[in-house]
């Protein structure tokens, strides 16, 4: 069972491939994805790890997927550029929002916006 943001509940998602979810992206054909057959949303997997079918968090809607991408665009340059360590940054974000932060666990656009506000307050971006 995986939480699906579109259905707002745990669902019995189906393991599929990039060929199904991204038919226009042949470079993704062989990658694993979990798909909710009820709402058709999907999530990728930790394909570069030992457990290559472990989902990358809950299944987002397209709007939530977009806010997760926006979060990565703001947050990743901070830790990649050495302004703050990744673990420390995530811990500080968690402290500011009052729950454990990880982009893959964002379940709503509002939750994503809250994280963006917290990061902007931290770094004045």
PDB file of N, CA and C in Angstrom:
ATOM      1  N   UNK A   1       0.841  -1.179   0.000  1.00  0.00           N
ATOM      2  CA  UNK A   1       0.000   0.000   0.000  1.00  0.00           C
ATOM      3  C   UNK A   1       0.891   1.249   0.000  1.00  0.00           C
ATOM      4  N   UNK A   2       0.487   2.208  -0.806  1.00  0.00           N
ATOM      5  CA  UNK A   2       1.184   3.484  -0.908  1.00  0.00           C
ATOM      6  C   UNK A   2       0.130   4.582  -0.811  1.00  0.00           C
ATOM      7  N   UNK A   3       0.443   5.649  -0.073  1.00  0.00           N
ATOM      8  CA  UNK A   3      -0.503   6.758   0.004  1.00  0.00           C
ATOM      9  C   UNK A   3      -0.547   7.462  -1.342  1.00  0.00           C
ATOM     10  N   UNK A   4      -1.754   7.695  -1.836  1.00  0.00           N
ATOM     11  CA  UNK A   4      -1.974   8.394  -3.097  1.00  0.00           C
ATOM     12  C   UNK A   4      -2.619   9.744  -2.787  1.00  0.00           C
ATOM     13  N   UNK A   5      -1.949  10.810  -3.186  1.00  0.00           N
ATOM     14  CA  UNK A   5      -2.457  12.159  -2.926  1.00  0.00           C
ATOM     15  C   UNK A   5      -3.714  12.454  -3.732  1.00  0.00           C
ATOM     16  N   UNK A   6      -3.854  11.855  -4.900  1.00  0.00           N
ATOM     17  CA  UNK A   6      -5.044  12.060  -5.722  1.00  0.00           C
ATOM     18  C   UNK A   6      -6.275  11.416  -5.110  1.00  0.00           C
ATOM     19  N   UNK A   7      -6.110  10.243  -4.534  1.00  0.00           N
ATOM     20  CA  UNK A   7      -7.214   9.516  -3.906  1.00  0.00           C
ATOM     21  C   UNK A   7      -7.348   9.867  -2.426  1.00  0.00           C
ATOM     22  N   UNK A   8      -6.306  10.475  -1.866  1.00  0.00           N
ATOM     23  CA  UNK A   8      -6.244  10.848  -0.457  1.00  0.00           C
ATOM     24  C   UNK A   8      -6.404   9.644   0.471  1.00  0.00           C
ATOM     25  N   UNK A   9      -5.762   8.533   0.088  1.00  0.00           N
ATOM     26  CA  UNK A   9      -5.781   7.323   0.905  1.00  0.00           C
ATOM     27  C   UNK A   9      -4.697   6.366   0.430  1.00  0.00           C
ATOM     28  N   UNK A  10      -4.438   5.342   1.255  1.00  0.00           N
ATOM     29  CA  UNK A  10      -3.523   4.289   0.844  1.00  0.00           C
ATOM     30  C   UNK A  10      -4.197   3.470  -0.249  1.00  0.00           C
ATOM     31  N   UNK A  11      -3.441   3.174  -1.291  1.00  0.00           N
ATOM     32  CA  UNK A  11      -3.976   2.395  -2.415  1.00  0.00           C
ATOM     33  C   UNK A  11      -3.057   1.220  -2.711  1.00  0.00           C
ATOM     34  N   UNK A  12      -3.599   0.229  -3.377  1.00  0.00           N
ATOM     35  CA  UNK A  12      -2.795  -0.901  -3.858  1.00  0.00           C
ATOM     36  C   UNK A  12      -2.253  -0.507  -5.226  1.00  0.00           C
ATOM     37  N   UNK A  13      -1.161   0.239  -5.217  1.00  0.00           N
ATOM     38  CA  UNK A  13      -0.567   0.694  -6.471  1.00  0.00           C
ATOM     39  C   UNK A  13       0.022  -0.487  -7.228  1.00  0.00           C
ATOM     40  N   UNK A  14       0.166  -0.306  -8.516  1.00  0.00           N
ATOM     41  CA  UNK A  14       0.686  -1.345  -9.400  1.00  0.00           C
ATOM     42  C   UNK A  14       2.074  -0.951  -9.880  1.00  0.00           C
ATOM     43  N   UNK A  15       3.016  -1.889  -9.801  1.00  0.00           N
ATOM     44  CA  UNK A  15       4.363  -1.652 -10.316  1.00  0.00           C
ATOM     45  C   UNK A  15       4.321  -1.726 -11.832  1.00  0.00           C
ATOM     46  N   UNK A  16       4.854  -0.706 -12.472  1.00  0.00           N
ATOM     47  CA  UNK A  16       4.867  -0.657 -13.925  1.00  0.00           C
ATOM     48  C   UNK A  16       6.208  -0.092 -14.376  1.00  0.00           C
ATOM     49  N   UNK A  17       6.303   0.286 -15.628  1.00  0.00           N
ATOM     50  CA  UNK A  17       7.568   0.814 -16.146  1.00  0.00           C
ATOM     51  C   UNK A  17       7.362   2.190 -16.759  1.00  0.00           C
ATOM     52  N   UNK A  18       8.483   2.823 -17.044  1.00  0.00           N
ATOM     53  CA  UNK A  18       8.454   4.116 -17.695  1.00  0.00           C
ATOM     54  C   UNK A  18       7.826   4.064 -19.072  1.00  0.00           C
ATOM     55  N   UNK A  19       7.830   2.892 -19.683  1.00  0.00           N
ATOM     56  CA  UNK A  19       7.194   2.750 -21.001  1.00  0.00           C
ATOM     57  C   UNK A  19       5.716   3.132 -20.913  1.00  0.00           C
ATOM     58  N   UNK A  20       5.069   2.792 -19.793  1.00  0.00           N
ATOM     59  CA  UNK A  20       3.658   3.116 -19.616  1.00  0.00           C
ATOM     60  C   UNK A  20       3.440   4.559 -19.180  1.00  0.00           C
ATOM     61  N   UNK A  21       4.196   5.030 -18.191  1.00  0.00           N
ATOM     62  CA  UNK A  21       3.916   6.357 -17.641  1.00  0.00           C
ATOM     63  C   UNK A  21       4.547   7.499 -18.443  1.00  0.00           C
ATOM     64  N   UNK A  22       5.616   7.221 -19.149  1.00  0.00           N
ATOM     65  CA  UNK A  22       6.260   8.219 -20.016  1.00  0.00           C
ATOM     66  C   UNK A  22       6.492   7.617 -21.412  1.00  0.00           C
ATOM     67  N   UNK A  23       5.435   7.328 -22.165  1.00  0.00           N
ATOM     68  CA  UNK A  23       5.597   6.669 -23.464  1.00  0.00           C
ATOM     69  C   UNK A  23       6.417   7.474 -24.473  1.00  0.00           C
ATOM     70  N   UNK A  24       6.528   8.779 -24.260  1.00  0.00           N
ATOM     71  CA  UNK A  24       7.292   9.654 -25.145  1.00  0.00           C
ATOM     72  C   UNK A  24       8.765   9.778 -24.739  1.00  0.00           C
ATOM     73  N   UNK A  25       9.166   9.101 -23.644  1.00  0.00           N
ATOM     74  CA  UNK A  25      10.532   9.180 -23.121  1.00  0.00           C
ATOM     75  C   UNK A  25      11.181   7.797 -23.122  1.00  0.00           C
ATOM     76  N   UNK A  26      11.746   7.413 -24.245  1.00  0.00           N
ATOM     77  CA  UNK A  26      12.352   6.080 -24.344  1.00  0.00           C
ATOM     78  C   UNK A  26      13.491   5.894 -23.342  1.00  0.00           C
ATOM     79  N   UNK A  27      14.114   6.984 -22.887  1.00  0.00           N
ATOM     80  CA  UNK A  27      15.193   6.877 -21.904  1.00  0.00           C
ATOM     81  C   UNK A  27      14.675   6.427 -20.538  1.00  0.00           C
ATOM     82  N   UNK A  28      13.356   6.505 -20.307  1.00  0.00           N
ATOM     83  CA  UNK A  28      12.769   6.100 -19.030  1.00  0.00           C
ATOM     84  C   UNK A  28      12.035   4.763 -19.094  1.00  0.00           C
ATOM     85  N   UNK A  29      11.994   4.143 -20.250  1.00  0.00           N
ATOM     86  CA  UNK A  29      11.220   2.913 -20.447  1.00  0.00           C
ATOM     87  C   UNK A  29      11.526   1.818 -19.432  1.00  0.00           C
ATOM     88  N   UNK A  30      12.778   1.641 -19.082  1.00  0.00           N
ATOM     89  CA  UNK A  30      13.175   0.530 -18.217  1.00  0.00           C
ATOM     90  C   UNK A  30      13.083   0.841 -16.726  1.00  0.00           C
ATOM     91  N   UNK A  31      12.762   2.071 -16.369  1.00  0.00           N
ATOM     92  CA  UNK A  31      12.697   2.442 -14.960  1.00  0.00           C
ATOM     93  C   UNK A  31      11.374   2.011 -14.331  1.00  0.00           C
ATOM     94  N   UNK A  32      11.413   1.628 -13.051  1.00  0.00           N
ATOM     95  CA  UNK A  32      10.189   1.217 -12.360  1.00  0.00           C
ATOM     96  C   UNK A  32       9.399   2.412 -11.801  1.00  0.00           C
ATOM     97  N   UNK A  33       8.085   2.291 -11.818  1.00  0.00           N
ATOM     98  CA  UNK A  33       7.170   3.292 -11.275  1.00  0.00           C
ATOM     99  C   UNK A  33       6.015   2.570 -10.592  1.00  0.00           C
ATOM    100  N   UNK A  34       5.450   3.197  -9.573  1.00  0.00           N
ATOM    101  CA  UNK A  34       4.225   2.709  -8.950  1.00  0.00           C
ATOM    102  C   UNK A  34       3.093   3.596  -9.443  1.00  0.00           C
ATOM    103  N   UNK A  35       2.026   2.970  -9.924  1.00  0.00           N
ATOM    104  CA  UNK A  35       0.906   3.713 -10.501  1.00  0.00           C
ATOM    105  C   UNK A  35      -0.390   3.370  -9.780  1.00  0.00           C
ATOM    106  N   UNK A  36      -1.171   4.405  -9.505  1.00  0.00           N
ATOM    107  CA  UNK A  36      -2.505   4.227  -8.948  1.00  0.00           C
ATOM    108  C   UNK A  36      -3.470   4.086 -10.128  1.00  0.00           C
ATOM    109  N   UNK A  37      -4.087   2.931 -10.248  1.00  0.00           N
ATOM    110  CA  UNK A  37      -5.004   2.716 -11.367  1.00  0.00           C
ATOM    111  C   UNK A  37      -6.339   3.417 -11.172  1.00  0.00           C
ATOM    112  N   UNK A  38      -6.589   3.938  -9.971  1.00  0.00           N
ATOM    113  CA  UNK A  38      -7.841   4.659  -9.725  1.00  0.00           C
ATOM    114  C   UNK A  38      -7.770   6.057 -10.334  1.00  0.00           C
ATOM    115  N   UNK A  39      -6.703   6.806 -10.003  1.00  0.00           N
ATOM    116  CA  UNK A  39      -6.594   8.191 -10.483  1.00  0.00           C
ATOM    117  C   UNK A  39      -5.526   8.384 -11.560  1.00  0.00           C
ATOM    118  N   UNK A  40      -4.740   7.345 -11.835  1.00  0.00           N
ATOM    119  CA  UNK A  40      -3.698   7.346 -12.868  1.00  0.00           C
ATOM    120  C   UNK A  40      -2.433   8.108 -12.493  1.00  0.00           C
ATOM    121  N   UNK A  41      -2.302   8.570 -11.245  1.00  0.00           N
ATOM    122  CA  UNK A  41      -1.068   9.220 -10.817  1.00  0.00           C
ATOM    123  C   UNK A  41      -0.005   8.163 -10.544  1.00  0.00           C
ATOM    124  N   UNK A  42       1.252   8.590 -10.470  1.00  0.00           N
ATOM    125  CA  UNK A  42       2.350   7.639 -10.316  1.00  0.00           C
ATOM    126  C   UNK A  42       3.510   8.276  -9.579  1.00  0.00           C
ATOM    127  N   UNK A  43       4.413   7.416  -9.121  1.00  0.00           N
ATOM    128  CA  UNK A  43       5.634   7.868  -8.461  1.00  0.00           C
ATOM    129  C   UNK A  43       6.788   6.982  -8.917  1.00  0.00           C
ATOM    130  N   UNK A  44       7.954   7.585  -9.029  1.00  0.00           N
ATOM    131  CA  UNK A  44       9.141   6.841  -9.398  1.00  0.00           C
ATOM    132  C   UNK A  44       9.674   6.024  -8.230  1.00  0.00           C
ATOM    133  N   UNK A  45      10.787   5.351  -8.476  1.00  0.00           N
ATOM    134  CA  UNK A  45      11.384   4.465  -7.482  1.00  0.00           C
ATOM    135  C   UNK A  45      12.861   4.795  -7.272  1.00  0.00           C
ATOM    136  N   UNK A  46      13.398   4.300  -6.183  1.00  0.00           N
ATOM    137  CA  UNK A  46      14.822   4.417  -5.884  1.00  0.00           C
ATOM    138  C   UNK A  46      15.571   3.389  -6.730  1.00  0.00           C
ATOM    139  N   UNK A  47      15.540   3.567  -8.038  1.00  0.00           N
ATOM    140  CA  UNK A  47      16.055   2.560  -8.967  1.00  0.00           C
ATOM    141  C   UNK A  47      17.568   2.372  -8.930  1.00  0.00           C
ATOM    142  N   UNK A  48      18.289   3.290  -8.308  1.00  0.00           N
ATOM    143  CA  UNK A  48      19.749   3.156  -8.239  1.00  0.00           C
ATOM    144  C   UNK A  48      20.215   2.505  -6.948  1.00  0.00           C
ATOM    145  N   UNK A  49      19.271   1.974  -6.168  1.00  0.00           N
ATOM    146  CA  UNK A  49      19.608   1.358  -4.890  1.00  0.00           C
ATOM    147  C   UNK A  49      19.385  -0.149  -4.958  1.00  0.00           C
ATOM    148  N   UNK A  50      19.712  -0.822  -3.870  1.00  0.00           N
ATOM    149  CA  UNK A  50      19.532  -2.274  -3.794  1.00  0.00           C
ATOM    150  C   UNK A  50      18.054  -2.655  -3.955  1.00  0.00           C
ATOM    151  N   UNK A  51      17.170  -1.849  -3.361  1.00  0.00           N
ATOM    152  CA  UNK A  51      15.733  -2.096  -3.477  1.00  0.00           C
ATOM    153  C   UNK A  51      15.185  -1.160  -4.543  1.00  0.00           C
ATOM    154  N   UNK A  52      15.420  -1.495  -5.804  1.00  0.00           N
ATOM    155  CA  UNK A  52      15.132  -0.585  -6.915  1.00  0.00           C
ATOM    156  C   UNK A  52      13.655  -0.308  -7.162  1.00  0.00           C
ATOM    157  N   UNK A  53      12.751  -1.012  -6.468  1.00  0.00           N
ATOM    158  CA  UNK A  53      11.327  -0.735  -6.640  1.00  0.00           C
ATOM    159  C   UNK A  53      10.716  -0.023  -5.434  1.00  0.00           C
ATOM    160  N   UNK A  54      11.570   0.444  -4.496  1.00  0.00           N
ATOM    161  CA  UNK A  54      11.064   1.198  -3.347  1.00  0.00           C
ATOM    162  C   UNK A  54      10.597   2.564  -3.848  1.00  0.00           C
ATOM    163  N   UNK A  55       9.342   2.930  -3.569  1.00  0.00           N
ATOM    164  CA  UNK A  55       8.810   4.200  -4.097  1.00  0.00           C
ATOM    165  C   UNK A  55       9.520   5.420  -3.527  1.00  0.00           C
ATOM    166  N   UNK A  56       9.588   6.460  -4.335  1.00  0.00           N
ATOM    167  CA  UNK A  56      10.153   7.744  -3.928  1.00  0.00           C
ATOM    168  C   UNK A  56       9.080   8.551  -3.206  1.00  0.00           C
ATOM    169  N   UNK A  57       8.596   8.034  -2.106  1.00  0.00           N
ATOM    170  CA  UNK A  57       7.564   8.726  -1.335  1.00  0.00           C
ATOM    171  C   UNK A  57       6.172   8.331  -1.763  1.00  0.00           C
ATOM    172  N   UNK A  58       5.220   9.192  -1.403  1.00  0.00           N
ATOM    173  CA  UNK A  58       3.828   8.915  -1.750  1.00  0.00           C
ATOM    174  C   UNK A  58       3.567   9.286  -3.214  1.00  0.00           C
ATOM    175  N   UNK A  59       2.443   8.846  -3.733  1.00  0.00           N
ATOM    176  CA  UNK A  59       2.083   9.109  -5.127  1.00  0.00           C
ATOM    177  C   UNK A  59       1.491  10.515  -5.224  1.00  0.00           C
ATOM    178  N   UNK A  60       2.165  11.433  -5.934  1.00  0.00           N
ATOM    179  CA  UNK A  60       1.676  12.804  -6.022  1.00  0.00           C
ATOM    180  C   UNK A  60       0.711  13.025  -7.185  1.00  0.00           C
ATOM    181  N   UNK A  61      -0.080  14.083  -7.079  1.00  0.00           N
ATOM    182  CA  UNK A  61      -0.834  14.560  -8.229  1.00  0.00           C
ATOM    183  C   UNK A  61       0.153  15.336  -9.101  1.00  0.00           C
ATOM    184  N   UNK A  62      -0.244  15.747 -10.280  1.00  0.00           N
ATOM    185  CA  UNK A  62       0.664  16.527 -11.132  1.00  0.00           C
ATOM    186  C   UNK A  62       1.017  17.859 -10.476  1.00  0.00           C
ATOM    187  N   UNK A  63       0.064  18.457  -9.753  1.00  0.00           N
ATOM    188  CA  UNK A  63       0.335  19.729  -9.073  1.00  0.00           C
ATOM    189  C   UNK A  63       1.355  19.536  -7.944  1.00  0.00           C
ATOM    190  N   UNK A  64       1.212  18.456  -7.206  1.00  0.00           N
ATOM    191  CA  UNK A  64       2.158  18.182  -6.117  1.00  0.00           C
ATOM    192  C   UNK A  64       3.521  17.816  -6.695  1.00  0.00           C
ATOM    193  N   UNK A  65       3.552  17.085  -7.800  1.00  0.00           N
ATOM    194  CA  UNK A  65       4.823  16.756  -8.451  1.00  0.00           C
ATOM    195  C   UNK A  65       5.541  18.053  -8.834  1.00  0.00           C
ATOM    196  N   UNK A  66       4.802  19.037  -9.345  1.00  0.00           N
ATOM    197  CA  UNK A  66       5.384  20.321  -9.745  1.00  0.00           C
ATOM    198  C   UNK A  66       5.945  21.062  -8.536  1.00  0.00           C
ATOM    199  N   UNK A  67       5.219  21.102  -7.425  1.00  0.00           N
ATOM    200  CA  UNK A  67       5.727  21.823  -6.242  1.00  0.00           C
ATOM    201  C   UNK A  67       6.951  21.105  -5.674  1.00  0.00           C
ATOM    202  N   UNK A  68       6.999  19.769  -5.772  1.00  0.00           N
ATOM    203  CA  UNK A  68       8.191  19.029  -5.335  1.00  0.00           C
ATOM    204  C   UNK A  68       9.393  19.421  -6.196  1.00  0.00           C
ATOM    205  N   UNK A  69       9.184  19.570  -7.497  1.00  0.00           N
ATOM    206  CA  UNK A  69      10.259  19.994  -8.392  1.00  0.00           C
ATOM    207  C   UNK A  69      10.716  21.407  -8.034  1.00  0.00           C
ATOM    208  N   UNK A  70       9.753  22.284  -7.737  1.00  0.00           N
ATOM    209  CA  UNK A  70      10.088  23.651  -7.323  1.00  0.00           C
ATOM    210  C   UNK A  70      10.914  23.643  -6.036  1.00  0.00           C
ATOM    211  N   UNK A  71      10.541  22.779  -5.090  1.00  0.00           N
ATOM    212  CA  UNK A  71      11.291  22.661  -3.834  1.00  0.00           C
ATOM    213  C   UNK A  71      12.731  22.237  -4.102  1.00  0.00           C
ATOM    214  N   UNK A  72      12.901  21.237  -4.935  1.00  0.00           N
ATOM    215  CA  UNK A  72      14.257  20.780  -5.254  1.00  0.00           C
ATOM    216  C   UNK A  72      15.062  21.893  -5.927  1.00  0.00           C
ATOM    217  N   UNK A  73      14.418  22.671  -6.794  1.00  0.00           N
ATOM    218  CA  UNK A  73      15.112  23.758  -7.492  1.00  0.00           C
ATOM    219  C   UNK A  73      15.622  24.821  -6.520  1.00  0.00           C
ATOM    220  N   UNK A  74      14.927  25.024  -5.410  1.00  0.00           N
ATOM    221  CA  UNK A  74      15.327  26.019  -4.412  1.00  0.00           C
ATOM    222  C   UNK A  74      16.287  25.420  -3.385  1.00  0.00           C
ATOM    223  N   UNK A  75      15.994  24.227  -2.912  1.00  0.00           N
ATOM    224  CA  UNK A  75      16.738  23.631  -1.798  1.00  0.00           C
ATOM    225  C   UNK A  75      18.048  22.968  -2.231  1.00  0.00           C
ATOM    226  N   UNK A  76      18.041  22.247  -3.328  1.00  0.00           N
ATOM    227  CA  UNK A  76      19.242  21.501  -3.734  1.00  0.00           C
ATOM    228  C   UNK A  76      20.471  22.381  -3.952  1.00  0.00           C
ATOM    229  N   UNK A  77      20.345  23.560  -4.586  1.00  0.00           N
ATOM    230  CA  UNK A  77      21.543  24.398  -4.749  1.00  0.00           C
ATOM    231  C   UNK A  77      22.150  24.847  -3.417  1.00  0.00           C
ATOM    232  N   UNK A  78      21.341  24.932  -2.371  1.00  0.00           N
ATOM    233  CA  UNK A  78      21.846  25.349  -1.061  1.00  0.00           C
ATOM    234  C   UNK A  78      22.814  24.310  -0.517  1.00  0.00           C
ATOM    235  N   UNK A  79      22.391  23.030  -0.489  1.00  0.00           N
ATOM    236  CA  UNK A  79      23.299  22.011   0.058  1.00  0.00           C
ATOM    237  C   UNK A  79      24.368  21.593  -0.936  1.00  0.00           C
ATOM    238  N   UNK A  80      24.038  21.592  -2.226  1.00  0.00           N
ATOM    239  CA  UNK A  80      25.051  21.226  -3.224  1.00  0.00           C
ATOM    240  C   UNK A  80      26.156  22.275  -3.300  1.00  0.00           C
ATOM    241  N   UNK A  81      25.774  23.541  -3.079  1.00  0.00           N
ATOM    242  CA  UNK A  81      26.741  24.627  -3.126  1.00  0.00           C
ATOM    243  C   UNK A  81      27.524  24.798  -1.843  1.00  0.00           C
ATOM    244  N   UNK A  82      27.221  23.989  -0.832  1.00  0.00           N
ATOM    245  CA  UNK A  82      27.971  24.024   0.411  1.00  0.00           C
ATOM    246  C   UNK A  82      27.549  25.099   1.397  1.00  0.00           C
ATOM    247  N   UNK A  83      26.437  25.792   1.120  1.00  0.00           N
ATOM    248  CA  UNK A  83      25.980  26.826   2.066  1.00  0.00           C
ATOM    249  C   UNK A  83      25.535  26.205   3.382  1.00  0.00           C
ATOM    250  N   UNK A  84      25.065  24.962   3.316  1.00  0.00           N
ATOM    251  CA  UNK A  84      24.605  24.245   4.500  1.00  0.00           C
ATOM    252  C   UNK A  84      24.581  22.769   4.141  1.00  0.00           C
ATOM    253  N   UNK A  85      24.928  21.900   5.067  1.00  0.00           N
ATOM    254  CA  UNK A  85      24.870  20.465   4.805  1.00  0.00           C
ATOM    255  C   UNK A  85      23.425  20.012   4.590  1.00  0.00           C
ATOM    256  N   UNK A  86      23.250  18.994   3.788  1.00  0.00           N
ATOM    257  CA  UNK A  86      21.902  18.521   3.464  1.00  0.00           C
ATOM    258  C   UNK A  86      21.127  18.104   4.715  1.00  0.00           C
ATOM    259  N   UNK A  87      21.749  17.292   5.569  1.00  0.00           N
ATOM    260  CA  UNK A  87      21.053  16.829   6.777  1.00  0.00           C
ATOM    261  C   UNK A  87      20.696  18.000   7.680  1.00  0.00           C
ATOM    262  N   UNK A  88      21.609  18.931   7.831  1.00  0.00           N
ATOM    263  CA  UNK A  88      21.346  20.105   8.667  1.00  0.00           C
ATOM    264  C   UNK A  88      20.233  20.959   8.076  1.00  0.00           C
ATOM    265  N   UNK A  89      20.254  21.122   6.775  1.00  0.00           N
ATOM    266  CA  UNK A  89      19.224  21.904   6.098  1.00  0.00           C
ATOM    267  C   UNK A  89      17.851  21.272   6.281  1.00  0.00           C
ATOM    268  N   UNK A  90      17.767  19.967   6.043  1.00  0.00           N
ATOM    269  CA  UNK A  90      16.490  19.265   6.200  1.00  0.00           C
ATOM    270  C   UNK A  90      16.011  19.318   7.650  1.00  0.00           C
ATOM    271  N   UNK A  91      16.956  19.220   8.606  1.00  0.00           N
ATOM    272  CA  UNK A  91      16.595  19.294  10.021  1.00  0.00           C
ATOM    273  C   UNK A  91      16.044  20.673  10.362  1.00  0.00           C
ATOM    274  N   UNK A  92      16.664  21.712   9.842  1.00  0.00           N
ATOM    275  CA  UNK A  92      16.193  23.074  10.109  1.00  0.00           C
ATOM    276  C   UNK A  92      14.826  23.316   9.465  1.00  0.00           C
ATOM    277  N   UNK A  93      14.632  22.828   8.254  1.00  0.00           N
ATOM    278  CA  UNK A  93      13.314  22.955   7.608  1.00  0.00           C
ATOM    279  C   UNK A  93      12.273  22.230   8.455  1.00  0.00           C
ATOM    280  N   UNK A  94      12.609  21.024   8.902  1.00  0.00           N
ATOM    281  CA  UNK A  94      11.692  20.233   9.729  1.00  0.00           C
ATOM    282  C   UNK A  94      11.306  20.998  10.986  1.00  0.00           C
ATOM    283  N   UNK A  95      12.284  21.610  11.614  1.00  0.00           N
ATOM    284  CA  UNK A  95      12.033  22.386  12.831  1.00  0.00           C
ATOM    285  C   UNK A  95      11.082  23.544  12.541  1.00  0.00           C
ATOM    286  N   UNK A  96      11.295  24.223  11.447  1.00  0.00           N
ATOM    287  CA  UNK A  96      10.487  25.398  11.106  1.00  0.00           C
ATOM    288  C   UNK A  96       9.049  25.050  10.707  1.00  0.00           C
ATOM    289  N   UNK A  97       8.862  23.886  10.083  1.00  0.00           N
ATOM    290  CA  UNK A  97       7.494  23.528   9.665  1.00  0.00           C
ATOM    291  C   UNK A  97       6.790  22.647  10.695  1.00  0.00           C
ATOM    292  N   UNK A  98       7.537  22.177  11.697  1.00  0.00           N
ATOM    293  CA  UNK A  98       6.934  21.389  12.765  1.00  0.00           C
ATOM    294  C   UNK A  98       6.664  19.932  12.432  1.00  0.00           C
ATOM    295  N   UNK A  99       7.304  19.423  11.375  1.00  0.00           N
ATOM    296  CA  UNK A  99       7.206  17.999  11.029  1.00  0.00           C
ATOM    297  C   UNK A  99       8.431  17.631  10.202  1.00  0.00           C
ATOM    298  N   UNK A 100       8.701  16.327  10.107  1.00  0.00           N
ATOM    299  CA  UNK A 100       9.887  15.874   9.372  1.00  0.00           C
ATOM    300  C   UNK A 100       9.734  16.206   7.891  1.00  0.00           C
ATOM    301  N   UNK A 101      10.733  16.918   7.362  1.00  0.00           N
ATOM    302  CA  UNK A 101      10.684  17.327   5.959  1.00  0.00           C
ATOM    303  C   UNK A 101      11.424  16.361   5.054  1.00  0.00           C
ATOM    304  N   UNK A 102      10.798  16.039   3.960  1.00  0.00           N
ATOM    305  CA  UNK A 102      11.424  15.434   2.787  1.00  0.00           C
ATOM    306  C   UNK A 102      10.466  15.690   1.632  1.00  0.00           C
ATOM    307  N   UNK A 103      10.983  16.165   0.514  1.00  0.00           N
ATOM    308  CA  UNK A 103      10.127  16.529  -0.625  1.00  0.00           C
ATOM    309  C   UNK A 103       9.218  15.380  -1.053  1.00  0.00           C
ATOM    310  N   UNK A 104       9.709  14.151  -0.968  1.00  0.00           N
ATOM    311  CA  UNK A 104       8.920  12.996  -1.408  1.00  0.00           C
ATOM    312  C   UNK A 104       7.701  12.734  -0.535  1.00  0.00           C
ATOM    313  N   UNK A 105       7.668  13.336   0.646  1.00  0.00           N
ATOM    314  CA  UNK A 105       6.538  13.121   1.542  1.00  0.00           C
ATOM    315  C   UNK A 105       5.536  14.268   1.524  1.00  0.00           C
ATOM    316  N   UNK A 106       5.770  15.276   0.700  1.00  0.00           N
ATOM    317  CA  UNK A 106       4.824  16.385   0.566  1.00  0.00           C
ATOM    318  C   UNK A 106       3.523  15.825  -0.004  1.00  0.00           C
ATOM    319  N   UNK A 107       2.406  16.085   0.696  1.00  0.00           N
ATOM    320  CA  UNK A 107       1.123  15.521   0.285  1.00  0.00           C
ATOM    321  C   UNK A 107       0.134  16.557  -0.247  1.00  0.00           C
ATOM    322  N   UNK A 108       0.516  17.840  -0.217  1.00  0.00           N
ATOM    323  CA  UNK A 108      -0.380  18.871  -0.744  1.00  0.00           C
ATOM    324  C   UNK A 108       0.429  20.055  -1.254  1.00  0.00           C
ATOM    325  N   UNK A 109      -0.170  20.823  -2.131  1.00  0.00           N
ATOM    326  CA  UNK A 109       0.465  22.028  -2.650  1.00  0.00           C
ATOM    327  C   UNK A 109       0.689  23.011  -1.501  1.00  0.00           C
ATOM    328  N   UNK A 110      -0.282  23.120  -0.604  1.00  0.00           N
ATOM    329  CA  UNK A 110      -0.135  24.027   0.541  1.00  0.00           C
ATOM    330  C   UNK A 110       1.057  23.641   1.416  1.00  0.00           C
ATOM    331  N   UNK A 111       1.244  22.359   1.634  1.00  0.00           N
ATOM    332  CA  UNK A 111       2.389  21.884   2.415  1.00  0.00           C
ATOM    333  C   UNK A 111       3.694  22.263   1.725  1.00  0.00           C
ATOM    334  N   UNK A 112       3.735  22.112   0.408  1.00  0.00           N
ATOM    335  CA  UNK A 112       4.919  22.497  -0.357  1.00  0.00           C
ATOM    336  C   UNK A 112       5.194  23.989  -0.271  1.00  0.00           C
ATOM    337  N   UNK A 113       4.135  24.792  -0.352  1.00  0.00           N
ATOM    338  CA  UNK A 113       4.286  26.249  -0.239  1.00  0.00           C
ATOM    339  C   UNK A 113       4.801  26.645   1.139  1.00  0.00           C
ATOM    340  N   UNK A 114       4.358  25.925   2.169  1.00  0.00           N
ATOM    341  CA  UNK A 114       4.835  26.184   3.534  1.00  0.00           C
ATOM    342  C   UNK A 114       6.346  25.962   3.621  1.00  0.00           C
ATOM    343  N   UNK A 115       6.826  24.905   2.993  1.00  0.00           N
ATOM    344  CA  UNK A 115       8.268  24.631   3.000  1.00  0.00           C
ATOM    345  C   UNK A 115       9.005  25.727   2.230  1.00  0.00           C
ATOM    346  N   UNK A 116       8.484  26.128   1.085  1.00  0.00           N
ATOM    347  CA  UNK A 116       9.123  27.196   0.311  1.00  0.00           C
ATOM    348  C   UNK A 116       9.214  28.484   1.123  1.00  0.00           C
ATOM    349  N   UNK A 117       8.140  28.820   1.847  1.00  0.00           N
ATOM    350  CA  UNK A 117       8.156  30.021   2.702  1.00  0.00           C
ATOM    351  C   UNK A 117       9.245  29.905   3.767  1.00  0.00           C
ATOM    352  N   UNK A 118       9.347  28.727   4.385  1.00  0.00           N
ATOM    353  CA  UNK A 118      10.350  28.516   5.440  1.00  0.00           C
ATOM    354  C   UNK A 118      11.766  28.692   4.882  1.00  0.00           C
ATOM    355  N   UNK A 119      12.026  28.141   3.719  1.00  0.00           N
ATOM    356  CA  UNK A 119      13.367  28.241   3.119  1.00  0.00           C
ATOM    357  C   UNK A 119      13.651  29.697   2.754  1.00  0.00           C
ATOM    358  N   UNK A 120      12.670  30.393   2.227  1.00  0.00           N
ATOM    359  CA  UNK A 120      12.872  31.810   1.877  1.00  0.00           C
ATOM    360  C   UNK A 120      13.157  32.643   3.117  1.00  0.00           C
ATOM    361  N   UNK A 121      12.493  32.320   4.225  1.00  0.00           N
ATOM    362  CA  UNK A 121      12.773  33.013   5.484  1.00  0.00           C
ATOM    363  C   UNK A 121      14.199  32.726   5.961  1.00  0.00           C
ATOM    364  N   UNK A 122      14.636  31.492   5.757  1.00  0.00           N
ATOM    365  CA  UNK A 122      15.976  31.104   6.198  1.00  0.00           C
ATOM    366  C   UNK A 122      17.071  31.791   5.372  1.00  0.00           C
ATOM    367  N   UNK A 123      16.846  31.903   4.076  1.00  0.00           N
ATOM    368  CA  UNK A 123      17.908  32.358   3.180  1.00  0.00           C
ATOM    369  C   UNK A 123      17.581  33.648   2.427  1.00  0.00           C
ATOM    370  N   UNK A 124      16.400  34.191   2.665  1.00  0.00           N
ATOM    371  CA  UNK A 124      16.045  35.448   2.024  1.00  0.00           C
ATOM    372  C   UNK A 124      15.963  35.362   0.513  1.00  0.00           C
ATOM    373  N   UNK A 125      15.603  34.177  -0.009  1.00  0.00           N
ATOM    374  CA  UNK A 125      15.526  33.999  -1.466  1.00  0.00           C
ATOM    375  C   UNK A 125      14.206  34.486  -2.001  1.00  0.00           C
TER     376      UNK A 125
END
